[in-house]
Amino acid sequence: MENIQLFIMIKWLKRISAAAAIGVWLYAIMVFIKDPAPFRELVPYCMGSTMLIFGILSGIFKGLEFWEAKIKENKAEK
């Protein structure tokens, strides 16, 4: 029963982190859109922030998947 709760928690953590990352990304894009500078000058910042935000999200997902695999491995050993 405890493992099922952990799997549900991991699934919800993935969903919440994805929603938060998309929210932060949309906020960053809105900041760039409102900036009076021409967009071609903002492109490096836009690309950099996008890569950073989704890179962090990928790291979080990999960590949660590693945790999930460890739980399954411990369950199989028992």
Protein backbone atom coordinates (compact mmCIF):
# COMPACT_ATOMS: atom_id res chain seq x y z
CA MET A 1 0.00 0.00 0.00
CA GLU A 2 2.83 2.35 0.85
CA ASN A 3 4.43 1.90 -2.58
CA ILE A 4 1.17 2.76 -4.33
CA GLN A 5 1.01 6.03 -2.41
CA LEU A 6 4.60 6.82 -3.38
CA PHE A 7 3.85 6.14 -7.06
CA ILE A 8 0.83 8.43 -6.90
CA MET A 9 2.89 11.12 -5.20
CA ILE A 10 5.63 10.84 -7.84
CA LYS A 11 3.05 11.11 -10.61
CA TRP A 12 1.59 14.26 -9.06
CA LEU A 13 5.04 15.75 -8.46
CA LYS A 14 5.77 15.28 -12.17
CA ARG A 15 2.53 17.00 -13.11
CA ILE A 16 3.03 19.89 -10.70
CA SER A 17 6.63 20.46 -11.76
CA ALA A 18 5.64 20.43 -15.45
CA ALA A 19 2.82 22.93 -14.83
CA ALA A 20 5.14 25.15 -12.79
CA ALA A 21 7.83 25.06 -15.48
CA ILE A 22 5.34 25.98 -18.19
CA GLY A 23 3.99 28.79 -16.00
CA VAL A 24 7.47 30.20 -15.38
CA TRP A 25 8.27 29.88 -19.09
CA LEU A 26 5.08 31.72 -20.09
CA TYR A 27 5.87 34.46 -17.58
CA ALA A 28 9.39 34.83 -19.01
CA ILE A 29 8.02 35.00 -22.57
CA MET A 30 5.50 37.65 -21.51
CA VAL A 31 8.32 39.72 -19.98
CA PHE A 32 10.23 39.51 -23.27
CA ILE A 33 7.15 40.43 -25.30
CA LYS A 34 6.51 43.55 -23.19
CA ASP A 35 10.13 44.72 -23.49
CA PRO A 36 10.46 47.71 -25.84
CA ALA A 37 13.65 46.34 -27.43
CA PRO A 38 13.37 44.68 -30.85
CA PHE A 39 12.73 40.96 -30.60
CA ARG A 40 15.90 40.03 -32.49
CA GLU A 41 17.89 41.51 -29.60
CA LEU A 42 15.90 39.48 -27.08
CA VAL A 43 16.17 36.15 -28.92
CA PRO A 44 19.30 34.97 -27.04
CA TYR A 45 17.62 35.66 -23.69
CA CYS A 46 14.43 33.96 -24.83
CA MET A 47 16.32 30.88 -26.02
CA GLY A 48 18.52 30.80 -22.94
CA SER A 49 15.65 31.05 -20.51
CA THR A 50 13.73 28.37 -22.40
CA MET A 51 16.70 25.99 -22.33
CA LEU A 52 17.34 26.69 -18.64
CA ILE A 53 13.72 26.24 -17.55
CA PHE A 54 13.14 23.02 -19.46
CA GLY A 55 16.63 21.73 -18.58
CA ILE A 56 15.76 22.04 -14.92
CA LEU A 57 12.41 20.34 -15.59
CA SER A 58 14.23 17.47 -17.32
CA GLY A 59 16.50 17.09 -14.31
CA ILE A 60 13.53 16.99 -11.96
CA PHE A 61 11.83 14.36 -14.14
CA LYS A 62 14.99 12.23 -14.26
CA GLY A 63 15.28 12.42 -10.48
CA LEU A 64 11.67 11.39 -9.98
CA GLU A 65 12.04 8.54 -12.47
CA PHE A 66 15.20 7.37 -10.67
CA TRP A 67 13.29 7.43 -7.38
CA GLU A 68 10.44 5.48 -8.99
CA ALA A 69 12.88 2.87 -10.36
CA LYS A 70 14.49 2.46 -6.93
CA ILE A 71 11.09 1.83 -5.37
CA LYS A 72 10.27 -0.79 -8.01
CA GLU A 73 13.70 -2.39 -7.52
CA ASN A 74 13.22 -2.59 -3.75
CA LYS A 75 9.76 -4.05 -4.26
CA ALA A 76 11.13 -6.73 -6.60
CA GLU A 77 13.80 -7.73 -4.05
CA LYS A 78 11.22 -8.38 -1.35
